[in-house]
Amino acid sequence: MRPEPAFEAPWHAQLFALTVHLNEAGLFAWPDWAARFGATLKQNGLERDLNGGDDYFAAWLETLETLLADSGAAAPDAVQQMRTKWEAAYLRTPHGMAVKL
């Protein structure tokens, strides 16, 4: 029997890996991350069920962006500019191909 993948989508795995990397690089302590993520899940979970898929990782991304902004590691306008660039790259990439920024 083949095990199910740990992540539903590649971006879930990439976001998880990025967060772990930033923690290991000393950008934030894991207990702080866990507390913030728990608060985001609670906030978002009141409006809808979070199933570990896109909703869960959207909350994960929201938490990471807020954490980076609060720490001064990434200004909100820089994050928005990068998000816009990634969205444009995603939209112009044919289905099944790797997105290139």
PDB file of N, CA and C in Angstrom:
ATOM      1  N   MET A   1       0.842  -1.173   0.000  1.00  0.00           N
ATOM      2  CA  MET A   1       0.000   0.000   0.000  1.00  0.00           C
ATOM      3  C   MET A   1       0.890   1.240   0.000  1.00  0.00           C
ATOM      4  N   ARG A   2       0.588   2.121  -0.883  1.00  0.00           N
ATOM      5  CA  ARG A   2       1.382   3.353  -1.033  1.00  0.00           C
ATOM      6  C   ARG A   2       0.888   4.411  -0.040  1.00  0.00           C
ATOM      7  N   PRO A   3       1.810   5.026   0.739  1.00  0.00           N
ATOM      8  CA  PRO A   3       1.369   6.041   1.699  1.00  0.00           C
ATOM      9  C   PRO A   3       0.895   7.305   0.986  1.00  0.00           C
ATOM     10  N   GLU A   4      -0.059   7.991   1.628  1.00  0.00           N
ATOM     11  CA  GLU A   4      -0.540   9.260   1.076  1.00  0.00           C
ATOM     12  C   GLU A   4       0.547  10.315   1.249  1.00  0.00           C
ATOM     13  N   PRO A   5       0.610  11.276   0.338  1.00  0.00           N
ATOM     14  CA  PRO A   5       1.623  12.333   0.489  1.00  0.00           C
ATOM     15  C   PRO A   5       1.351  13.151   1.749  1.00  0.00           C
ATOM     16  N   ALA A   6       2.433  13.664   2.333  1.00  0.00           N
ATOM     17  CA  ALA A   6       2.311  14.471   3.550  1.00  0.00           C
ATOM     18  C   ALA A   6       1.665  15.825   3.257  1.00  0.00           C
ATOM     19  N   PHE A   7       1.794  16.294   2.033  1.00  0.00           N
ATOM     20  CA  PHE A   7       1.261  17.601   1.650  1.00  0.00           C
ATOM     21  C   PHE A   7       0.367  17.426   0.424  1.00  0.00           C
ATOM     22  N   GLU A   8      -0.736  18.171   0.401  1.00  0.00           N
ATOM     23  CA  GLU A   8      -1.662  18.077  -0.728  1.00  0.00           C
ATOM     24  C   GLU A   8      -1.140  18.769  -1.976  1.00  0.00           C
ATOM     25  N   ALA A   9      -0.314  19.806  -1.793  1.00  0.00           N
ATOM     26  CA  ALA A   9       0.169  20.584  -2.936  1.00  0.00           C
ATOM     27  C   ALA A   9       1.636  20.935  -2.721  1.00  0.00           C
ATOM     28  N   PRO A  10       2.385  21.091  -3.804  1.00  0.00           N
ATOM     29  CA  PRO A  10       3.802  21.441  -3.665  1.00  0.00           C
ATOM     30  C   PRO A  10       4.038  22.720  -2.858  1.00  0.00           C
ATOM     31  N   TRP A  11       3.166  23.712  -3.017  1.00  0.00           N
ATOM     32  CA  TRP A  11       3.400  24.956  -2.292  1.00  0.00           C
ATOM     33  C   TRP A  11       3.252  24.766  -0.789  1.00  0.00           C
ATOM     34  N   HIS A  12       2.463  23.787  -0.362  1.00  0.00           N
ATOM     35  CA  HIS A  12       2.351  23.490   1.069  1.00  0.00           C
ATOM     36  C   HIS A  12       3.709  23.027   1.594  1.00  0.00           C
ATOM     37  N   ALA A  13       4.323  22.108   0.878  1.00  0.00           N
ATOM     38  CA  ALA A  13       5.633  21.587   1.286  1.00  0.00           C
ATOM     39  C   ALA A  13       6.690  22.679   1.245  1.00  0.00           C
ATOM     40  N   GLN A  14       6.653  23.515   0.223  1.00  0.00           N
ATOM     41  CA  GLN A  14       7.637  24.595   0.097  1.00  0.00           C
ATOM     42  C   GLN A  14       7.489  25.605   1.222  1.00  0.00           C
ATOM     43  N   LEU A  15       6.262  25.950   1.567  1.00  0.00           N
ATOM     44  CA  LEU A  15       6.017  26.892   2.649  1.00  0.00           C
ATOM     45  C   LEU A  15       6.475  26.308   3.980  1.00  0.00           C
ATOM     46  N   PHE A  16       6.201  25.042   4.193  1.00  0.00           N
ATOM     47  CA  PHE A  16       6.650  24.368   5.408  1.00  0.00           C
ATOM     48  C   PHE A  16       8.177  24.389   5.484  1.00  0.00           C
ATOM     49  N   ALA A  17       8.835  24.023   4.387  1.00  0.00           N
ATOM     50  CA  ALA A  17      10.303  23.989   4.368  1.00  0.00           C
ATOM     51  C   ALA A  17      10.899  25.373   4.584  1.00  0.00           C
ATOM     52  N   LEU A  18      10.304  26.393   3.984  1.00  0.00           N
ATOM     53  CA  LEU A  18      10.783  27.759   4.167  1.00  0.00           C
ATOM     54  C   LEU A  18      10.681  28.172   5.631  1.00  0.00           C
ATOM     55  N   THR A  19       9.562  27.845   6.256  1.00  0.00           N
ATOM     56  CA  THR A  19       9.361  28.198   7.658  1.00  0.00           C
ATOM     57  C   THR A  19      10.385  27.505   8.544  1.00  0.00           C
ATOM     58  N   VAL A  20      10.613  26.233   8.310  1.00  0.00           N
ATOM     59  CA  VAL A  20      11.622  25.498   9.082  1.00  0.00           C
ATOM     60  C   VAL A  20      13.002  26.112   8.869  1.00  0.00           C
ATOM     61  N   HIS A  21      13.322  26.439   7.627  1.00  0.00           N
ATOM     62  CA  HIS A  21      14.620  27.055   7.319  1.00  0.00           C
ATOM     63  C   HIS A  21      14.794  28.385   8.059  1.00  0.00           C
ATOM     64  N   LEU A  22      13.779  29.237   8.036  1.00  0.00           N
ATOM     65  CA  LEU A  22      13.872  30.532   8.706  1.00  0.00           C
ATOM     66  C   LEU A  22      14.015  30.366  10.213  1.00  0.00           C
ATOM     67  N   ASN A  23      13.355  29.355  10.766  1.00  0.00           N
ATOM     68  CA  ASN A  23      13.521  29.053  12.192  1.00  0.00           C
ATOM     69  C   ASN A  23      14.943  28.592  12.482  1.00  0.00           C
ATOM     70  N   GLU A  24      15.440  27.683  11.667  1.00  0.00           N
ATOM     71  CA  GLU A  24      16.801  27.168  11.871  1.00  0.00           C
ATOM     72  C   GLU A  24      17.855  28.246  11.664  1.00  0.00           C
ATOM     73  N   ALA A  25      17.549  29.249  10.849  1.00  0.00           N
ATOM     74  CA  ALA A  25      18.470  30.362  10.622  1.00  0.00           C
ATOM     75  C   ALA A  25      18.422  31.373  11.770  1.00  0.00           C
ATOM     76  N   GLY A  26      17.521  31.157  12.728  1.00  0.00           N
ATOM     77  CA  GLY A  26      17.454  32.012  13.900  1.00  0.00           C
ATOM     78  C   GLY A  26      16.553  33.227  13.762  1.00  0.00           C
ATOM     79  N   LEU A  27      15.719  33.241  12.738  1.00  0.00           N
ATOM     80  CA  LEU A  27      14.845  34.399  12.529  1.00  0.00           C
ATOM     81  C   LEU A  27      13.731  34.482  13.570  1.00  0.00           C
ATOM     82  N   PHE A  28      13.340  33.347  14.100  1.00  0.00           N
ATOM     83  CA  PHE A  28      12.317  33.321  15.144  1.00  0.00           C
ATOM     84  C   PHE A  28      12.439  32.009  15.914  1.00  0.00           C
ATOM     85  N   ALA A  29      11.897  32.014  17.126  1.00  0.00           N
ATOM     86  CA  ALA A  29      11.880  30.811  17.960  1.00  0.00           C
ATOM     87  C   ALA A  29      10.619  30.008  17.650  1.00  0.00           C
ATOM     88  N   TRP A  30      10.733  28.697  17.640  1.00  0.00           N
ATOM     89  CA  TRP A  30       9.603  27.852  17.292  1.00  0.00           C
ATOM     90  C   TRP A  30       8.423  28.034  18.256  1.00  0.00           C
ATOM     91  N   PRO A  31       8.643  28.186  19.566  1.00  0.00           N
ATOM     92  CA  PRO A  31       7.481  28.417  20.445  1.00  0.00           C
ATOM     93  C   PRO A  31       6.704  29.686  20.072  1.00  0.00           C
ATOM     94  N   ASP A  32       7.397  30.747  19.650  1.00  0.00           N
ATOM     95  CA  ASP A  32       6.718  31.961  19.201  1.00  0.00           C
ATOM     96  C   ASP A  32       5.907  31.661  17.947  1.00  0.00           C
ATOM     97  N   TRP A  33       6.526  30.936  17.001  1.00  0.00           N
ATOM     98  CA  TRP A  33       5.824  30.550  15.781  1.00  0.00           C
ATOM     99  C   TRP A  33       4.562  29.764  16.119  1.00  0.00           C
ATOM    100  N   ALA A  34       4.699  28.767  16.981  1.00  0.00           N
ATOM    101  CA  ALA A  34       3.572  27.899  17.317  1.00  0.00           C
ATOM    102  C   ALA A  34       2.429  28.691  17.956  1.00  0.00           C
ATOM    103  N   ALA A  35       2.756  29.624  18.840  1.00  0.00           N
ATOM    104  CA  ALA A  35       1.726  30.441  19.485  1.00  0.00           C
ATOM    105  C   ALA A  35       1.009  31.309  18.465  1.00  0.00           C
ATOM    106  N   ARG A  36       1.775  31.929  17.566  1.00  0.00           N
ATOM    107  CA  ARG A  36       1.171  32.786  16.545  1.00  0.00           C
ATOM    108  C   ARG A  36       0.317  31.972  15.576  1.00  0.00           C
ATOM    109  N   PHE A  37       0.819  30.825  15.169  1.00  0.00           N
ATOM    110  CA  PHE A  37       0.070  29.990  14.228  1.00  0.00           C
ATOM    111  C   PHE A  37      -1.207  29.477  14.875  1.00  0.00           C
ATOM    112  N   GLY A  38      -1.113  29.081  16.134  1.00  0.00           N
ATOM    113  CA  GLY A  38      -2.300  28.636  16.851  1.00  0.00           C
ATOM    114  C   GLY A  38      -3.359  29.741  16.916  1.00  0.00           C
ATOM    115  N   ALA A  39      -2.920  30.975  17.160  1.00  0.00           N
ATOM    116  CA  ALA A  39      -3.858  32.105  17.208  1.00  0.00           C
ATOM    117  C   ALA A  39      -4.497  32.341  15.839  1.00  0.00           C
ATOM    118  N   THR A  40      -3.703  32.221  14.767  1.00  0.00           N
ATOM    119  CA  THR A  40      -4.244  32.397  13.414  1.00  0.00           C
ATOM    120  C   THR A  40      -5.247  31.301  13.092  1.00  0.00           C
ATOM    121  N   LEU A  41      -4.909  30.059  13.440  1.00  0.00           N
ATOM    122  CA  LEU A  41      -5.838  28.952  13.198  1.00  0.00           C
ATOM    123  C   LEU A  41      -7.140  29.159  13.962  1.00  0.00           C
ATOM    124  N   LYS A  42      -7.023  29.580  15.209  1.00  0.00           N
ATOM    125  CA  LYS A  42      -8.222  29.812  16.006  1.00  0.00           C
ATOM    126  C   LYS A  42      -9.073  30.904  15.377  1.00  0.00           C
ATOM    127  N   GLN A  43      -8.416  31.992  14.977  1.00  0.00           N
ATOM    128  CA  GLN A  43      -9.131  33.104  14.350  1.00  0.00           C
ATOM    129  C   GLN A  43      -9.819  32.647  13.070  1.00  0.00           C
ATOM    130  N   ASN A  44      -9.100  31.959  12.206  1.00  0.00           N
ATOM    131  CA  ASN A  44      -9.667  31.522  10.934  1.00  0.00           C
ATOM    132  C   ASN A  44     -10.620  30.351  11.104  1.00  0.00           C
ATOM    133  N   GLY A  45     -10.374  29.513  12.076  1.00  0.00           N
ATOM    134  CA  GLY A  45     -11.205  28.341  12.290  1.00  0.00           C
ATOM    135  C   GLY A  45     -12.601  28.677  12.777  1.00  0.00           C
ATOM    136  N   LEU A  46     -12.762  29.860  13.348  1.00  0.00           N
ATOM    137  CA  LEU A  46     -14.082  30.268  13.799  1.00  0.00           C
ATOM    138  C   LEU A  46     -15.002  30.528  12.618  1.00  0.00           C
ATOM    139  N   GLU A  47     -14.426  30.854  11.466  1.00  0.00           N
ATOM    140  CA  GLU A  47     -15.214  31.186  10.286  1.00  0.00           C
ATOM    141  C   GLU A  47     -15.444  29.977   9.379  1.00  0.00           C
ATOM    142  N   ARG A  48     -14.534  29.025   9.428  1.00  0.00           N
ATOM    143  CA  ARG A  48     -14.661  27.855   8.563  1.00  0.00           C
ATOM    144  C   ARG A  48     -13.786  26.727   9.109  1.00  0.00           C
ATOM    145  N   ASP A  49     -14.071  25.518   8.706  1.00  0.00           N
ATOM    146  CA  ASP A  49     -13.253  24.383   9.125  1.00  0.00           C
ATOM    147  C   ASP A  49     -11.948  24.393   8.345  1.00  0.00           C
ATOM    148  N   LEU A  50     -10.862  24.141   9.049  1.00  0.00           N
ATOM    149  CA  LEU A  50      -9.555  24.054   8.389  1.00  0.00           C
ATOM    150  C   LEU A  50      -9.202  22.576   8.285  1.00  0.00           C
ATOM    151  N   ASN A  51      -8.925  22.110   7.077  1.00  0.00           N
ATOM    152  CA  ASN A  51      -8.775  20.675   6.844  1.00  0.00           C
ATOM    153  C   ASN A  51      -7.338  20.229   6.591  1.00  0.00           C
ATOM    154  N   GLY A  52      -6.362  21.086   6.773  1.00  0.00           N
ATOM    155  CA  GLY A  52      -4.987  20.703   6.490  1.00  0.00           C
ATOM    156  C   GLY A  52      -4.617  20.911   5.031  1.00  0.00           C
ATOM    157  N   GLY A  53      -5.524  21.452   4.262  1.00  0.00           N
ATOM    158  CA  GLY A  53      -5.267  21.724   2.848  1.00  0.00           C
ATOM    159  C   GLY A  53      -4.955  23.191   2.637  1.00  0.00           C
ATOM    160  N   ASP A  54      -5.533  23.752   1.594  1.00  0.00           N
ATOM    161  CA  ASP A  54      -5.243  25.143   1.246  1.00  0.00           C
ATOM    162  C   ASP A  54      -5.595  26.122   2.364  1.00  0.00           C
ATOM    163  N   ASP A  55      -6.738  25.909   3.029  1.00  0.00           N
ATOM    164  CA  ASP A  55      -7.115  26.817   4.120  1.00  0.00           C
ATOM    165  C   ASP A  55      -6.066  26.817   5.226  1.00  0.00           C
ATOM    166  N   TYR A  56      -5.613  25.637   5.571  1.00  0.00           N
ATOM    167  CA  TYR A  56      -4.609  25.486   6.627  1.00  0.00           C
ATOM    168  C   TYR A  56      -3.319  26.207   6.245  1.00  0.00           C
ATOM    169  N   PHE A  57      -2.869  25.988   5.023  1.00  0.00           N
ATOM    170  CA  PHE A  57      -1.615  26.605   4.612  1.00  0.00           C
ATOM    171  C   PHE A  57      -1.763  28.086   4.261  1.00  0.00           C
ATOM    172  N   ALA A  58      -2.962  28.528   3.937  1.00  0.00           N
ATOM    173  CA  ALA A  58      -3.186  29.973   3.799  1.00  0.00           C
ATOM    174  C   ALA A  58      -3.029  30.633   5.166  1.00  0.00           C
ATOM    175  N   ALA A  59      -3.527  29.978   6.215  1.00  0.00           N
ATOM    176  CA  ALA A  59      -3.336  30.486   7.580  1.00  0.00           C
ATOM    177  C   ALA A  59      -1.853  30.434   7.958  1.00  0.00           C
ATOM    178  N   TRP A  60      -1.160  29.396   7.525  1.00  0.00           N
ATOM    179  CA  TRP A  60       0.285  29.262   7.770  1.00  0.00           C
ATOM    180  C   TRP A  60       1.021  30.434   7.128  1.00  0.00           C
ATOM    181  N   LEU A  61       0.688  30.715   5.859  1.00  0.00           N
ATOM    182  CA  LEU A  61       1.324  31.810   5.139  1.00  0.00           C
ATOM    183  C   LEU A  61       1.013  33.148   5.795  1.00  0.00           C
ATOM    184  N   GLU A  62      -0.227  33.355   6.190  1.00  0.00           N
ATOM    185  CA  GLU A  62      -0.616  34.581   6.874  1.00  0.00           C
ATOM    186  C   GLU A  62       0.224  34.778   8.138  1.00  0.00           C
ATOM    187  N   THR A  63       0.400  33.700   8.890  1.00  0.00           N
ATOM    188  CA  THR A  63       1.195  33.762  10.112  1.00  0.00           C
ATOM    189  C   THR A  63       2.648  34.101   9.809  1.00  0.00           C
ATOM    190  N   LEU A  64       3.218  33.451   8.807  1.00  0.00           N
ATOM    191  CA  LEU A  64       4.620  33.700   8.471  1.00  0.00           C
ATOM    192  C   LEU A  64       4.823  35.134   7.996  1.00  0.00           C
ATOM    193  N   GLU A  65       3.937  35.623   7.152  1.00  0.00           N
ATOM    194  CA  GLU A  65       4.061  36.995   6.668  1.00  0.00           C
ATOM    195  C   GLU A  65       3.969  37.995   7.821  1.00  0.00           C
ATOM    196  N   THR A  66       3.052  37.765   8.740  1.00  0.00           N
ATOM    197  CA  THR A  66       2.904  38.657   9.893  1.00  0.00           C
ATOM    198  C   THR A  66       4.132  38.592  10.786  1.00  0.00           C
ATOM    199  N   LEU A  67       4.627  37.399  11.023  1.00  0.00           N
ATOM    200  CA  LEU A  67       5.823  37.227  11.847  1.00  0.00           C
ATOM    201  C   LEU A  67       7.022  37.947  11.248  1.00  0.00           C
ATOM    202  N   LEU A  68       7.207  37.809   9.948  1.00  0.00           N
ATOM    203  CA  LEU A  68       8.338  38.467   9.273  1.00  0.00           C
ATOM    204  C   LEU A  68       8.181  39.982   9.301  1.00  0.00           C
ATOM    205  N   ALA A  69       6.965  40.469   9.139  1.00  0.00           N
ATOM    206  CA  ALA A  69       6.724  41.913   9.200  1.00  0.00           C
ATOM    207  C   ALA A  69       6.978  42.430  10.613  1.00  0.00           C
ATOM    208  N   ASP A  70       6.465  41.723  11.618  1.00  0.00           N
ATOM    209  CA  ASP A  70       6.624  42.159  13.003  1.00  0.00           C
ATOM    210  C   ASP A  70       8.090  42.166  13.435  1.00  0.00           C
ATOM    211  N   SER A  71       8.869  41.239  12.898  1.00  0.00           N
ATOM    212  CA  SER A  71      10.285  41.164  13.274  1.00  0.00           C
ATOM    213  C   SER A  71      11.150  42.128  12.468  1.00  0.00           C
ATOM    214  N   GLY A  72      10.576  42.738  11.427  1.00  0.00           N
ATOM    215  CA  GLY A  72      11.338  43.637  10.569  1.00  0.00           C
ATOM    216  C   GLY A  72      12.135  42.911   9.498  1.00  0.00           C
ATOM    217  N   ALA A  73      11.950  41.589   9.397  1.00  0.00           N
ATOM    218  CA  ALA A  73      12.684  40.801   8.404  1.00  0.00           C
ATOM    219  C   ALA A  73      12.155  41.006   6.993  1.00  0.00           C
ATOM    220  N   ALA A  74      10.894  41.373   6.873  1.00  0.00           N
ATOM    221  CA  ALA A  74      10.290  41.603   5.557  1.00  0.00           C
ATOM    222  C   ALA A  74       9.194  42.651   5.704  1.00  0.00           C
ATOM    223  N   ALA A  75       9.365  43.754   5.033  1.00  0.00           N
ATOM    224  CA  ALA A  75       8.364  44.818   5.080  1.00  0.00           C
ATOM    225  C   ALA A  75       7.103  44.364   4.351  1.00  0.00           C
ATOM    226  N   PRO A  76       5.931  44.719   4.874  1.00  0.00           N
ATOM    227  CA  PRO A  76       4.681  44.298   4.220  1.00  0.00           C
ATOM    228  C   PRO A  76       4.602  44.681   2.743  1.00  0.00           C
ATOM    229  N   ASP A  77       5.117  45.852   2.361  1.00  0.00           N
ATOM    230  CA  ASP A  77       5.053  46.232   0.947  1.00  0.00           C
ATOM    231  C   ASP A  77       5.965  45.355   0.099  1.00  0.00           C
ATOM    232  N   ALA A  78       7.103  44.933   0.645  1.00  0.00           N
ATOM    233  CA  ALA A  78       7.998  44.027  -0.084  1.00  0.00           C
ATOM    234  C   ALA A  78       7.352  42.653  -0.246  1.00  0.00           C
ATOM    235  N   VAL A  79       6.655  42.201   0.788  1.00  0.00           N
ATOM    236  CA  VAL A  79       5.949  40.925   0.720  1.00  0.00           C
ATOM    237  C   VAL A  79       4.855  41.008  -0.345  1.00  0.00           C
ATOM    238  N   GLN A  80       4.114  42.098  -0.374  1.00  0.00           N
ATOM    239  CA  GLN A  80       3.044  42.252  -1.362  1.00  0.00           C
ATOM    240  C   GLN A  80       3.611  42.301  -2.783  1.00  0.00           C
ATOM    241  N   GLN A  81       4.718  42.991  -2.975  1.00  0.00           N
ATOM    242  CA  GLN A  81       5.347  43.043  -4.298  1.00  0.00           C
ATOM    243  C   GLN A  81       5.765  41.645  -4.751  1.00  0.00           C
ATOM    244  N   MET A  82       6.351  40.870  -3.843  1.00  0.00           N
ATOM    245  CA  MET A  82       6.781  39.517  -4.200  1.00  0.00           C
ATOM    246  C   MET A  82       5.567  38.629  -4.481  1.00  0.00           C
ATOM    247  N   ARG A  83       4.513  38.784  -3.690  1.00  0.00           N
ATOM    248  CA  ARG A  83       3.287  38.020  -3.919  1.00  0.00           C
ATOM    249  C   ARG A  83       2.727  38.329  -5.311  1.00  0.00           C
ATOM    250  N   THR A  84       2.728  39.601  -5.695  1.00  0.00           N
ATOM    251  CA  THR A  84       2.234  40.018  -7.006  1.00  0.00           C
ATOM    252  C   THR A  84       3.080  39.416  -8.127  1.00  0.00           C
ATOM    253  N   LYS A  85       4.403  39.413  -7.941  1.00  0.00           N
ATOM    254  CA  LYS A  85       5.294  38.817  -8.950  1.00  0.00           C
ATOM    255  C   LYS A  85       5.044  37.320  -9.094  1.00  0.00           C
ATOM    256  N   TRP A  86       4.893  36.626  -7.963  1.00  0.00           N
ATOM    257  CA  TRP A  86       4.630  35.186  -8.018  1.00  0.00           C
ATOM    258  C   TRP A  86       3.282  34.889  -8.672  1.00  0.00           C
ATOM    259  N   GLU A  87       2.282  35.697  -8.375  1.00  0.00           N
ATOM    260  CA  GLU A  87       0.974  35.480  -8.976  1.00  0.00           C
ATOM    261  C   GLU A  87       1.046  35.643 -10.493  1.00  0.00           C
ATOM    262  N   ALA A  88       1.745  36.681 -10.936  1.00  0.00           N
ATOM    263  CA  ALA A  88       1.888  36.904 -12.380  1.00  0.00           C
ATOM    264  C   ALA A  88       2.636  35.741 -13.032  1.00  0.00           C
ATOM    265  N   ALA A  89       3.689  35.270 -12.366  1.00  0.00           N
ATOM    266  CA  ALA A  89       4.463  34.148 -12.907  1.00  0.00           C
ATOM    267  C   ALA A  89       3.607  32.887 -12.969  1.00  0.00           C
ATOM    268  N   TYR A  90       2.822  32.661 -11.937  1.00  0.00           N
ATOM    269  CA  TYR A  90       1.942  31.498 -11.894  1.00  0.00           C
ATOM    270  C   TYR A  90       0.916  31.543 -13.028  1.00  0.00           C
ATOM    271  N   LEU A  91       0.331  32.701 -13.232  1.00  0.00           N
ATOM    272  CA  LEU A  91      -0.714  32.834 -14.247  1.00  0.00           C
ATOM    273  C   LEU A  91      -0.190  32.682 -15.669  1.00  0.00           C
ATOM    274  N   ARG A  92       1.065  32.980 -15.889  1.00  0.00           N
ATOM    275  CA  ARG A  92       1.604  32.844 -17.250  1.00  0.00           C
ATOM    276  C   ARG A  92       2.286  31.490 -17.489  1.00  0.00           C
ATOM    277  N   THR A  93       2.316  30.639 -16.488  1.00  0.00           N
ATOM    278  CA  THR A  93       2.962  29.333 -16.603  1.00  0.00           C
ATOM    279  C   THR A  93       1.951  28.285 -17.048  1.00  0.00           C
ATOM    280  N   PRO A  94       2.263  27.554 -18.099  1.00  0.00           N
ATOM    281  CA  PRO A  94       1.339  26.478 -18.549  1.00  0.00           C
ATOM    282  C   PRO A  94       1.156  25.430 -17.444  1.00  0.00           C
ATOM    283  N   HIS A  95      -0.040  24.862 -17.406  1.00  0.00           N
ATOM    284  CA  HIS A  95      -0.367  23.841 -16.415  1.00  0.00           C
ATOM    285  C   HIS A  95       0.657  22.704 -16.472  1.00  0.00           C
ATOM    286  N   GLY A  96       1.105  22.286 -15.314  1.00  0.00           N
ATOM    287  CA  GLY A  96       2.037  21.172 -15.230  1.00  0.00           C
ATOM    288  C   GLY A  96       3.499  21.562 -15.315  1.00  0.00           C
ATOM    289  N   MET A  97       3.777  22.810 -15.642  1.00  0.00           N
ATOM    290  CA  MET A  97       5.158  23.286 -15.746  1.00  0.00           C
ATOM    291  C   MET A  97       5.560  23.974 -14.430  1.00  0.00           C
ATOM    292  N   ALA A  98       6.850  23.985 -14.176  1.00  0.00           N
ATOM    293  CA  ALA A  98       7.358  24.677 -12.976  1.00  0.00           C
ATOM    294  C   ALA A  98       7.201  26.176 -13.141  1.00  0.00           C
ATOM    295  N   VAL A  99       6.786  26.828 -12.083  1.00  0.00           N
ATOM    296  CA  VAL A  99       6.658  28.291 -12.091  1.00  0.00           C
ATOM    297  C   VAL A  99       8.032  28.889 -11.920  1.00  0.00           C
ATOM    298  N   LYS A 100       8.372  29.831 -12.798  1.00  0.00           N
ATOM    299  CA  LYS A 100       9.668  30.523 -12.722  1.00  0.00           C
ATOM    300  C   LYS A 100       9.419  31.998 -12.493  1.00  0.00           C
ATOM    301  N   LEU A 101      10.048  32.506 -11.484  1.00  0.00           N
ATOM    302  CA  LEU A 101       9.887  33.922 -11.162  1.00  0.00           C
ATOM    303  C   LEU A 101      10.859  34.756 -11.965  1.00  0.00           C
TER     304      LEU A 101
END
